[in-house]
Amino acid sequence: MSVQINAENVYQDVIIAGFGGQGVMLIGNLLAYAAMEYGLNVTYLPVYGPEMRGGTANCTVVISKEEIGSPVIFNPVSLIAMNQPSLQKFQPRVQDKGTVILNSSLIDPGLGENTRLRVYPVAANDIANQLGNIRMANMVALGAYLAATQIIPLEVVQKALDKVISAHYKHLIPKNAEALAAGFKAIQTS
């Protein structure tokens, strides 16, 4: 099923944050590339903590029908938090009525600001583990984000996997597409 988007008024920005090694940069890059393929303007800004693997990492993606003035966003419209430190750092900055995808495998859903924000707990690690590879938790979270925001169709992002996954890992594209769909479905059925 394809999601129809009102192309007249498209704008979304998101901070994607977690520990280094959780794939936050990969899904940020994937989201940006897919939005660009969909004909939208995009910026992608990665930020690394002191250590790339195990330290903190986040990126900002801005998607718009209009030109984008800056890739830097202080008060994002949305947040994908893969771990509790990321939720604690960025959730207070999310705009009122903004969207938060929180990885409830690692974060107590009760920590989501449910009265101010639209919070979607998704057991990303658990779902990825059920699919056979816990490292796909990032794809599950991105699928949930796509369902919650409807910024671009799931199928567009699945198709873009071929452009952002390196040649050595091309055999994992079908499983990553499945993980995106599982995250999307987790939001639709909640």
N, C-alpha and C. Protein backbone atom coordinates (compact mmCIF):
# COMPACT_ATOMS: atom_id res chain seq x y z
N MET A 1 0.84 -1.18 0.00
CA MET A 1 0.00 0.00 0.00
C MET A 1 0.88 1.24 0.00
N SER A 2 0.67 2.14 -0.90
CA SER A 2 1.45 3.37 -1.01
C SER A 2 0.79 4.49 -0.22
N VAL A 3 1.62 5.28 0.43
CA VAL A 3 1.13 6.44 1.16
C VAL A 3 1.14 7.63 0.21
N GLN A 4 0.06 8.36 0.15
CA GLN A 4 0.02 9.56 -0.68
C GLN A 4 0.42 10.75 0.18
N ILE A 5 1.28 11.58 -0.37
CA ILE A 5 1.82 12.71 0.37
C ILE A 5 1.38 14.00 -0.30
N ASN A 6 1.00 14.97 0.51
CA ASN A 6 0.64 16.28 0.01
C ASN A 6 1.91 17.02 -0.36
N ALA A 7 2.30 16.97 -1.61
CA ALA A 7 3.56 17.56 -2.07
C ALA A 7 3.57 19.08 -2.00
N GLU A 8 2.43 19.70 -1.76
CA GLU A 8 2.36 21.16 -1.66
C GLU A 8 2.98 21.65 -0.36
N ASN A 9 2.89 20.85 0.69
CA ASN A 9 3.29 21.32 2.01
C ASN A 9 4.18 20.27 2.70
N VAL A 10 5.27 19.88 2.07
CA VAL A 10 6.14 18.86 2.62
C VAL A 10 7.28 19.50 3.39
N TYR A 11 7.37 19.18 4.67
CA TYR A 11 8.53 19.57 5.48
C TYR A 11 8.62 18.61 6.66
N GLN A 12 9.81 18.13 6.89
CA GLN A 12 10.05 17.28 8.05
C GLN A 12 11.53 17.37 8.37
N ASP A 13 11.84 17.48 9.64
CA ASP A 13 13.23 17.33 10.04
C ASP A 13 13.27 16.36 11.20
N VAL A 14 14.40 15.67 11.33
CA VAL A 14 14.53 14.64 12.34
C VAL A 14 15.96 14.58 12.83
N ILE A 15 16.10 14.41 14.12
CA ILE A 15 17.39 14.04 14.69
C ILE A 15 17.32 12.54 14.95
N ILE A 16 18.30 11.83 14.44
CA ILE A 16 18.40 10.38 14.66
C ILE A 16 19.62 10.18 15.55
N ALA A 17 19.42 9.55 16.72
CA ALA A 17 20.51 9.49 17.69
C ALA A 17 20.59 8.13 18.37
N GLY A 18 21.81 7.76 18.72
CA GLY A 18 22.06 6.51 19.43
C GLY A 18 23.53 6.33 19.71
N PHE A 19 23.90 5.13 20.14
CA PHE A 19 25.30 4.80 20.32
C PHE A 19 25.93 4.60 18.95
N GLY A 20 27.23 4.91 18.83
CA GLY A 20 27.96 4.55 17.62
C GLY A 20 27.84 3.05 17.41
N GLY A 21 27.64 2.62 16.20
CA GLY A 21 27.48 1.21 15.91
C GLY A 21 26.03 0.77 15.80
N GLN A 22 25.09 1.64 16.17
CA GLN A 22 23.66 1.29 16.06
C GLN A 22 23.11 1.62 14.68
N GLY A 23 23.92 2.18 13.81
CA GLY A 23 23.49 2.44 12.44
C GLY A 23 22.68 3.70 12.24
N VAL A 24 22.83 4.69 13.14
CA VAL A 24 22.05 5.92 12.98
C VAL A 24 22.47 6.70 11.75
N MET A 25 23.77 6.68 11.43
CA MET A 25 24.23 7.40 10.24
C MET A 25 23.70 6.72 8.97
N LEU A 26 23.68 5.41 8.98
CA LEU A 26 23.18 4.67 7.81
C LEU A 26 21.72 5.00 7.54
N ILE A 27 20.87 4.99 8.57
CA ILE A 27 19.45 5.26 8.29
C ILE A 27 19.22 6.74 7.97
N GLY A 28 20.05 7.62 8.53
CA GLY A 28 19.95 9.04 8.15
C GLY A 28 20.29 9.23 6.69
N ASN A 29 21.37 8.58 6.26
CA ASN A 29 21.79 8.64 4.87
C ASN A 29 20.74 8.02 3.96
N LEU A 30 20.18 6.89 4.38
CA LEU A 30 19.13 6.22 3.60
C LEU A 30 17.90 7.11 3.46
N LEU A 31 17.46 7.71 4.55
CA LEU A 31 16.29 8.59 4.52
C LEU A 31 16.55 9.77 3.58
N ALA A 32 17.72 10.37 3.70
CA ALA A 32 18.06 11.52 2.85
C ALA A 32 18.10 11.13 1.38
N TYR A 33 18.74 10.02 1.09
CA TYR A 33 18.84 9.58 -0.30
C TYR A 33 17.45 9.26 -0.87
N ALA A 34 16.63 8.57 -0.10
CA ALA A 34 15.29 8.21 -0.58
C ALA A 34 14.45 9.46 -0.83
N ALA A 35 14.53 10.44 0.06
CA ALA A 35 13.77 11.68 -0.13
C ALA A 35 14.23 12.42 -1.37
N MET A 36 15.54 12.40 -1.61
CA MET A 36 16.09 13.04 -2.81
C MET A 36 15.58 12.32 -4.07
N GLU A 37 15.58 10.99 -4.03
CA GLU A 37 15.06 10.20 -5.15
C GLU A 37 13.58 10.47 -5.37
N TYR A 38 12.88 10.82 -4.30
CA TYR A 38 11.44 11.10 -4.36
C TYR A 38 11.17 12.51 -4.90
N GLY A 39 12.24 13.27 -5.13
CA GLY A 39 12.10 14.59 -5.72
C GLY A 39 12.06 15.73 -4.72
N LEU A 40 12.43 15.47 -3.49
CA LEU A 40 12.39 16.51 -2.46
C LEU A 40 13.81 17.06 -2.21
N ASN A 41 13.87 18.24 -1.63
CA ASN A 41 15.15 18.81 -1.21
C ASN A 41 15.55 18.20 0.12
N VAL A 42 16.84 17.99 0.31
CA VAL A 42 17.32 17.27 1.48
C VAL A 42 18.64 17.84 1.97
N THR A 43 18.82 17.83 3.30
CA THR A 43 20.15 18.00 3.88
C THR A 43 20.37 16.87 4.87
N TYR A 44 21.62 16.49 5.02
CA TYR A 44 22.02 15.41 5.93
C TYR A 44 23.28 15.89 6.64
N LEU A 45 23.24 15.91 7.96
CA LEU A 45 24.37 16.40 8.74
C LEU A 45 24.72 15.40 9.84
N PRO A 46 25.82 14.65 9.67
CA PRO A 46 26.23 13.69 10.71
C PRO A 46 27.04 14.37 11.81
N VAL A 47 26.90 13.87 13.04
CA VAL A 47 27.67 14.37 14.19
C VAL A 47 28.15 13.15 14.97
N TYR A 48 29.44 13.06 15.17
CA TYR A 48 30.02 11.93 15.90
C TYR A 48 30.49 12.40 17.26
N GLY A 49 30.34 11.52 18.28
CA GLY A 49 30.92 11.78 19.59
C GLY A 49 32.40 11.43 19.56
N PRO A 50 33.04 11.40 20.72
CA PRO A 50 34.48 11.14 20.78
C PRO A 50 34.88 9.78 20.20
N GLU A 51 34.03 8.80 20.33
CA GLU A 51 34.32 7.49 19.75
C GLU A 51 33.24 7.20 18.73
N MET A 52 33.63 6.65 17.60
CA MET A 52 32.62 6.35 16.58
C MET A 52 31.84 5.10 16.95
N ARG A 53 32.50 4.06 17.46
CA ARG A 53 31.80 2.83 17.79
C ARG A 53 31.66 2.75 19.31
N GLY A 54 30.45 2.79 19.80
CA GLY A 54 30.21 2.74 21.23
C GLY A 54 29.99 4.11 21.83
N GLY A 55 30.52 5.16 21.22
CA GLY A 55 30.27 6.53 21.69
C GLY A 55 28.93 7.00 21.16
N THR A 56 28.63 8.26 21.33
CA THR A 56 27.36 8.79 20.85
C THR A 56 27.48 9.21 19.39
N ALA A 57 26.40 9.09 18.69
CA ALA A 57 26.35 9.51 17.30
C ALA A 57 24.95 10.01 17.01
N ASN A 58 24.86 11.04 16.20
CA ASN A 58 23.55 11.50 15.76
C ASN A 58 23.69 12.18 14.41
N CYS A 59 22.59 12.30 13.74
CA CYS A 59 22.57 13.03 12.48
C CYS A 59 21.23 13.74 12.38
N THR A 60 21.24 14.76 11.56
CA THR A 60 20.02 15.52 11.29
C THR A 60 19.70 15.41 9.81
N VAL A 61 18.46 15.11 9.52
CA VAL A 61 17.98 15.07 8.15
C VAL A 61 16.84 16.07 8.04
N VAL A 62 16.91 16.93 7.04
CA VAL A 62 15.84 17.88 6.75
C VAL A 62 15.31 17.54 5.36
N ILE A 63 14.00 17.42 5.26
CA ILE A 63 13.33 17.09 3.99
C ILE A 63 12.29 18.16 3.73
N SER A 64 12.30 18.73 2.53
CA SER A 64 11.36 19.79 2.23
C SER A 64 11.08 19.88 0.73
N LYS A 65 9.89 20.33 0.40
CA LYS A 65 9.55 20.65 -0.98
C LYS A 65 10.25 21.95 -1.38
N GLU A 66 10.41 22.84 -0.42
CA GLU A 66 11.07 24.13 -0.65
C GLU A 66 12.57 24.01 -0.44
N GLU A 67 13.31 25.05 -0.81
CA GLU A 67 14.75 25.08 -0.54
C GLU A 67 14.98 25.07 0.96
N ILE A 68 16.09 24.48 1.38
CA ILE A 68 16.42 24.35 2.80
C ILE A 68 17.52 25.35 3.13
N GLY A 69 17.26 26.19 4.13
CA GLY A 69 18.21 27.24 4.48
C GLY A 69 19.43 26.75 5.24
N SER A 70 19.24 25.73 6.09
CA SER A 70 20.35 25.26 6.91
C SER A 70 20.12 23.81 7.31
N PRO A 71 21.19 23.03 7.40
CA PRO A 71 21.05 21.65 7.86
C PRO A 71 21.00 21.55 9.39
N VAL A 72 21.25 22.66 10.07
CA VAL A 72 21.30 22.67 11.53
C VAL A 72 19.91 22.93 12.09
N ILE A 73 19.44 22.03 12.94
CA ILE A 73 18.11 22.14 13.54
C ILE A 73 18.26 22.05 15.05
N PHE A 74 17.85 23.08 15.75
CA PHE A 74 17.92 23.03 17.21
C PHE A 74 16.65 22.42 17.81
N ASN A 75 15.49 22.80 17.29
CA ASN A 75 14.21 22.27 17.77
C ASN A 75 13.57 21.43 16.67
N PRO A 76 13.90 20.15 16.63
CA PRO A 76 13.41 19.31 15.54
C PRO A 76 11.91 19.04 15.64
N VAL A 77 11.34 18.70 14.50
CA VAL A 77 9.95 18.28 14.42
C VAL A 77 9.83 16.84 14.92
N SER A 78 10.92 16.07 14.76
CA SER A 78 10.86 14.67 15.16
C SER A 78 12.22 14.15 15.61
N LEU A 79 12.17 13.00 16.29
CA LEU A 79 13.35 12.37 16.86
C LEU A 79 13.22 10.86 16.77
N ILE A 80 14.30 10.21 16.37
CA ILE A 80 14.41 8.76 16.50
C ILE A 80 15.49 8.53 17.54
N ALA A 81 15.11 8.01 18.70
CA ALA A 81 16.05 7.77 19.80
C ALA A 81 16.28 6.27 19.94
N MET A 82 17.51 5.85 19.66
CA MET A 82 17.84 4.44 19.73
C MET A 82 18.28 3.99 21.11
N ASN A 83 18.60 4.94 22.00
CA ASN A 83 19.00 4.60 23.37
C ASN A 83 18.55 5.71 24.32
N GLN A 84 18.59 5.40 25.62
CA GLN A 84 18.09 6.34 26.62
C GLN A 84 18.88 7.65 26.68
N PRO A 85 20.23 7.64 26.63
CA PRO A 85 20.94 8.93 26.65
C PRO A 85 20.51 9.85 25.50
N SER A 86 20.23 9.27 24.35
CA SER A 86 19.78 10.08 23.21
C SER A 86 18.40 10.67 23.45
N LEU A 87 17.51 9.88 24.03
CA LEU A 87 16.18 10.39 24.36
C LEU A 87 16.29 11.54 25.36
N GLN A 88 17.09 11.34 26.40
CA GLN A 88 17.24 12.38 27.42
C GLN A 88 17.84 13.66 26.86
N LYS A 89 18.78 13.53 25.93
CA LYS A 89 19.43 14.70 25.38
C LYS A 89 18.54 15.47 24.41
N PHE A 90 17.84 14.75 23.52
CA PHE A 90 17.14 15.43 22.43
C PHE A 90 15.63 15.60 22.61
N GLN A 91 14.97 14.76 23.40
CA GLN A 91 13.52 14.86 23.54
C GLN A 91 13.07 16.25 24.02
N PRO A 92 13.74 16.88 24.98
CA PRO A 92 13.29 18.22 25.41
C PRO A 92 13.32 19.27 24.30
N ARG A 93 14.10 19.03 23.27
CA ARG A 93 14.22 19.99 22.17
C ARG A 93 13.18 19.80 21.08
N VAL A 94 12.48 18.66 21.07
CA VAL A 94 11.49 18.38 20.03
C VAL A 94 10.31 19.35 20.19
N GLN A 95 9.86 19.89 19.06
CA GLN A 95 8.74 20.83 19.06
C GLN A 95 7.48 20.19 19.63
N ASP A 96 6.65 21.00 20.29
CA ASP A 96 5.37 20.52 20.80
C ASP A 96 4.59 19.83 19.68
N LYS A 97 3.96 18.74 20.01
CA LYS A 97 3.20 17.90 19.08
C LYS A 97 4.11 17.20 18.06
N GLY A 98 5.42 17.23 18.31
CA GLY A 98 6.37 16.55 17.44
C GLY A 98 6.30 15.04 17.62
N THR A 99 7.01 14.34 16.76
CA THR A 99 7.00 12.88 16.74
C THR A 99 8.29 12.33 17.33
N VAL A 100 8.16 11.36 18.24
CA VAL A 100 9.32 10.68 18.80
C VAL A 100 9.15 9.18 18.61
N ILE A 101 10.13 8.58 17.93
CA ILE A 101 10.21 7.13 17.83
C ILE A 101 11.24 6.72 18.87
N LEU A 102 10.83 5.92 19.85
CA LEU A 102 11.82 5.48 20.85
C LEU A 102 11.95 3.97 20.82
N ASN A 103 13.19 3.53 20.88
CA ASN A 103 13.50 2.11 20.86
C ASN A 103 13.19 1.52 22.23
N SER A 104 11.98 0.98 22.37
CA SER A 104 11.53 0.50 23.67
C SER A 104 12.25 -0.78 24.10
N SER A 105 13.08 -1.33 23.24
CA SER A 105 13.93 -2.46 23.66
C SER A 105 15.01 -1.98 24.63
N LEU A 106 15.40 -0.70 24.50
CA LEU A 106 16.47 -0.13 25.34
C LEU A 106 16.03 1.06 26.17
N ILE A 107 14.80 1.55 25.94
CA ILE A 107 14.32 2.75 26.62
C ILE A 107 12.96 2.44 27.25
N ASP A 108 12.79 2.80 28.51
CA ASP A 108 11.49 2.66 29.17
C ASP A 108 10.50 3.60 28.47
N PRO A 109 9.42 3.06 27.88
CA PRO A 109 8.46 3.91 27.18
C PRO A 109 7.86 5.00 28.07
N GLY A 110 7.87 4.79 29.38
CA GLY A 110 7.36 5.79 30.31
C GLY A 110 8.17 7.07 30.32
N LEU A 111 9.37 7.05 29.74
CA LEU A 111 10.20 8.24 29.67
C LEU A 111 9.81 9.17 28.53
N GLY A 112 8.93 8.70 27.65
CA GLY A 112 8.45 9.55 26.56
C GLY A 112 7.49 10.60 27.07
N GLU A 113 7.63 11.82 26.58
CA GLU A 113 6.76 12.93 27.00
C GLU A 113 5.43 12.85 26.25
N ASN A 114 4.59 11.91 26.68
CA ASN A 114 3.36 11.61 25.95
C ASN A 114 2.32 12.73 25.94
N THR A 115 2.36 13.64 26.90
CA THR A 115 1.36 14.70 26.90
C THR A 115 1.73 15.83 25.94
N ARG A 116 3.02 16.02 25.71
CA ARG A 116 3.48 17.11 24.85
C ARG A 116 3.78 16.65 23.42
N LEU A 117 4.18 15.38 23.29
CA LEU A 117 4.65 14.86 22.01
C LEU A 117 3.86 13.62 21.59
N ARG A 118 3.95 13.29 20.33
CA ARG A 118 3.40 12.02 19.82
C ARG A 118 4.53 11.00 19.91
N VAL A 119 4.47 10.15 20.92
CA VAL A 119 5.53 9.18 21.20
C VAL A 119 5.11 7.80 20.73
N TYR A 120 5.99 7.17 19.95
CA TYR A 120 5.75 5.83 19.42
C TYR A 120 6.84 4.89 19.91
N PRO A 121 6.55 4.11 20.97
CA PRO A 121 7.54 3.12 21.40
C PRO A 121 7.55 1.94 20.43
N VAL A 122 8.73 1.57 19.97
CA VAL A 122 8.89 0.44 19.05
C VAL A 122 10.03 -0.42 19.58
N ALA A 123 9.77 -1.68 19.80
CA ALA A 123 10.79 -2.61 20.30
C ALA A 123 11.73 -2.99 19.16
N ALA A 124 12.51 -2.03 18.70
CA ALA A 124 13.32 -2.19 17.48
C ALA A 124 14.31 -3.35 17.60
N ASN A 125 15.00 -3.45 18.72
CA ASN A 125 15.97 -4.55 18.88
C ASN A 125 15.26 -5.90 18.87
N ASP A 126 14.13 -5.99 19.58
CA ASP A 126 13.40 -7.25 19.67
C ASP A 126 12.86 -7.68 18.30
N ILE A 127 12.30 -6.72 17.56
CA ILE A 127 11.76 -7.02 16.23
C ILE A 127 12.90 -7.46 15.30
N ALA A 128 14.01 -6.75 15.35
CA ALA A 128 15.16 -7.10 14.51
C ALA A 128 15.69 -8.49 14.87
N ASN A 129 15.72 -8.78 16.15
CA ASN A 129 16.19 -10.10 16.60
C ASN A 129 15.26 -11.21 16.07
N GLN A 130 13.95 -10.95 16.08
CA GLN A 130 12.99 -11.92 15.55
C GLN A 130 13.19 -12.13 14.05
N LEU A 131 13.69 -11.10 13.37
CA LEU A 131 13.95 -11.20 11.93
C LEU A 131 15.29 -11.87 11.64
N GLY A 132 16.07 -12.11 12.71
CA GLY A 132 17.32 -12.85 12.53
C GLY A 132 18.60 -12.06 12.63
N ASN A 133 18.51 -10.72 12.84
CA ASN A 133 19.73 -9.92 12.95
C ASN A 133 19.44 -8.66 13.74
N ILE A 134 19.91 -8.62 14.98
CA ILE A 134 19.65 -7.47 15.86
C ILE A 134 20.22 -6.17 15.31
N ARG A 135 21.20 -6.28 14.41
CA ARG A 135 21.80 -5.07 13.83
C ARG A 135 20.85 -4.33 12.90
N MET A 136 19.69 -4.92 12.60
CA MET A 136 18.69 -4.26 11.76
C MET A 136 17.71 -3.43 12.58
N ALA A 137 17.98 -3.25 13.86
CA ALA A 137 17.10 -2.44 14.71
C ALA A 137 16.95 -1.02 14.15
N ASN A 138 18.02 -0.52 13.55
CA ASN A 138 17.95 0.81 12.96
C ASN A 138 16.92 0.88 11.84
N MET A 139 16.86 -0.17 11.02
CA MET A 139 15.89 -0.20 9.92
C MET A 139 14.46 -0.31 10.46
N VAL A 140 14.29 -1.06 11.53
CA VAL A 140 12.96 -1.16 12.16
C VAL A 140 12.53 0.22 12.64
N ALA A 141 13.43 0.95 13.29
CA ALA A 141 13.11 2.29 13.79
C ALA A 141 12.78 3.24 12.64
N LEU A 142 13.55 3.17 11.55
CA LEU A 142 13.26 4.03 10.41
C LEU A 142 11.90 3.68 9.80
N GLY A 143 11.57 2.41 9.70
CA GLY A 143 10.26 2.02 9.20
C GLY A 143 9.14 2.59 10.05
N ALA A 144 9.34 2.56 11.38
CA ALA A 144 8.35 3.14 12.29
C ALA A 144 8.21 4.64 12.06
N TYR A 145 9.33 5.30 11.85
CA TYR A 145 9.32 6.75 11.57
C TYR A 145 8.53 7.05 10.29
N LEU A 146 8.74 6.25 9.27
CA LEU A 146 8.02 6.45 8.01
C LEU A 146 6.52 6.31 8.21
N ALA A 147 6.11 5.33 9.01
CA ALA A 147 4.68 5.14 9.27
C ALA A 147 4.11 6.30 10.08
N ALA A 148 4.88 6.77 11.06
CA ALA A 148 4.38 7.82 11.95
C ALA A 148 4.30 9.18 11.26
N THR A 149 5.25 9.48 10.37
CA THR A 149 5.29 10.81 9.74
C THR A 149 4.70 10.83 8.34
N GLN A 150 4.72 9.70 7.66
CA GLN A 150 4.24 9.59 6.28
C GLN A 150 4.94 10.59 5.35
N ILE A 151 6.21 10.89 5.62
CA ILE A 151 6.93 11.88 4.82
C ILE A 151 7.23 11.36 3.41
N ILE A 152 7.61 10.09 3.30
CA ILE A 152 7.81 9.46 1.99
C ILE A 152 7.36 8.01 2.09
N PRO A 153 6.96 7.42 0.99
CA PRO A 153 6.46 6.04 1.03
C PRO A 153 7.55 5.03 1.41
N LEU A 154 7.15 4.02 2.13
CA LEU A 154 8.03 2.93 2.53
C LEU A 154 8.76 2.34 1.32
N GLU A 155 8.04 2.14 0.24
CA GLU A 155 8.61 1.51 -0.95
C GLU A 155 9.77 2.31 -1.53
N VAL A 156 9.70 3.63 -1.44
CA VAL A 156 10.77 4.50 -1.95
C VAL A 156 12.04 4.27 -1.13
N VAL A 157 11.89 4.14 0.18
CA VAL A 157 13.04 3.92 1.05
C VAL A 157 13.60 2.52 0.82
N GLN A 158 12.74 1.54 0.69
CA GLN A 158 13.21 0.18 0.41
C GLN A 158 14.02 0.13 -0.89
N LYS A 159 13.55 0.82 -1.89
CA LYS A 159 14.25 0.85 -3.18
C LYS A 159 15.61 1.54 -3.06
N ALA A 160 15.72 2.54 -2.20
CA ALA A 160 16.97 3.29 -2.02
C ALA A 160 18.04 2.49 -1.29
N LEU A 161 17.67 1.39 -0.64
CA LEU A 161 18.66 0.55 0.05
C LEU A 161 19.81 0.18 -0.88
N ASP A 162 19.51 -0.09 -2.12
CA ASP A 162 20.52 -0.49 -3.10
C ASP A 162 21.57 0.61 -3.31
N LYS A 163 21.19 1.85 -3.07
CA LYS A 163 22.10 2.98 -3.30
C LYS A 163 23.00 3.28 -2.10
N VAL A 164 22.61 2.86 -0.90
CA VAL A 164 23.38 3.24 0.29
C VAL A 164 24.09 2.07 0.97
N ILE A 165 23.71 0.86 0.64
CA ILE A 165 24.39 -0.29 1.25
C ILE A 165 25.56 -0.69 0.35
N SER A 166 26.72 -0.81 0.96
CA SER A 166 27.94 -1.10 0.19
C SER A 166 27.86 -2.46 -0.50
N ALA A 167 28.65 -2.60 -1.54
CA ALA A 167 28.63 -3.80 -2.39
C ALA A 167 28.83 -5.08 -1.58
N HIS A 168 29.66 -5.02 -0.56
CA HIS A 168 29.95 -6.20 0.25
C HIS A 168 28.71 -6.72 0.99
N TYR A 169 27.74 -5.84 1.25
CA TYR A 169 26.56 -6.21 2.03
C TYR A 169 25.26 -6.24 1.20
N LYS A 170 25.36 -6.23 -0.12
CA LYS A 170 24.17 -6.21 -0.98
C LYS A 170 23.23 -7.38 -0.69
N HIS A 171 23.80 -8.50 -0.25
CA HIS A 171 22.97 -9.68 0.03
C HIS A 171 22.01 -9.44 1.20
N LEU A 172 22.26 -8.38 1.99
CA LEU A 172 21.41 -8.08 3.14
C LEU A 172 20.25 -7.13 2.80
N ILE A 173 20.20 -6.66 1.57
CA ILE A 173 19.13 -5.71 1.20
C ILE A 173 17.74 -6.29 1.43
N PRO A 174 17.43 -7.52 1.02
CA PRO A 174 16.07 -8.03 1.26
C PRO A 174 15.71 -8.07 2.75
N LYS A 175 16.64 -8.44 3.61
CA LYS A 175 16.36 -8.49 5.06
C LYS A 175 16.17 -7.07 5.61
N ASN A 176 16.96 -6.12 5.12
CA ASN A 176 16.79 -4.74 5.57
C ASN A 176 15.45 -4.18 5.11
N ALA A 177 15.03 -4.52 3.90
CA ALA A 177 13.71 -4.10 3.41
C ALA A 177 12.62 -4.70 4.28
N GLU A 178 12.81 -5.96 4.69
CA GLU A 178 11.85 -6.62 5.58
C GLU A 178 11.81 -5.93 6.94
N ALA A 179 12.97 -5.50 7.45
CA ALA A 179 13.02 -4.81 8.74
C ALA A 179 12.32 -3.45 8.67
N LEU A 180 12.51 -2.73 7.56
CA LEU A 180 11.79 -1.47 7.37
C LEU A 180 10.28 -1.71 7.41
N ALA A 181 9.83 -2.74 6.71
CA ALA A 181 8.39 -3.06 6.66
C ALA A 181 7.88 -3.47 8.04
N ALA A 182 8.68 -4.20 8.80
CA ALA A 182 8.26 -4.63 10.15
C ALA A 182 8.10 -3.43 11.07
N GLY A 183 9.00 -2.45 10.98
CA GLY A 183 8.86 -1.23 11.78
C GLY A 183 7.65 -0.42 11.38
N PHE A 184 7.42 -0.34 10.08
CA PHE A 184 6.25 0.37 9.55
C PHE A 184 4.97 -0.27 10.07
N LYS A 185 4.93 -1.59 10.02
CA LYS A 185 3.75 -2.34 10.47
C LYS A 185 3.54 -2.19 11.98
N ALA A 186 4.64 -2.12 12.74
CA ALA A 186 4.53 -2.00 14.20
C ALA A 186 3.78 -0.73 14.59
N ILE A 187 3.94 0.33 13.83
CA ILE A 187 3.23 1.58 14.12
C ILE A 187 1.79 1.50 13.62
N GLN A 188 1.59 0.91 12.47
CA GLN A 188 0.23 0.81 11.92
C GLN A 188 -0.69 -0.03 12.77
N THR A 189 -0.13 -1.03 13.45
CA THR A 189 -0.97 -1.93 14.26
C THR A 189 -1.04 -1.53 15.72
N SER A 190 -0.33 -0.46 16.11
CA SER A 190 -0.36 -0.06 17.53
C SER A 190 -1.50 0.88 17.83
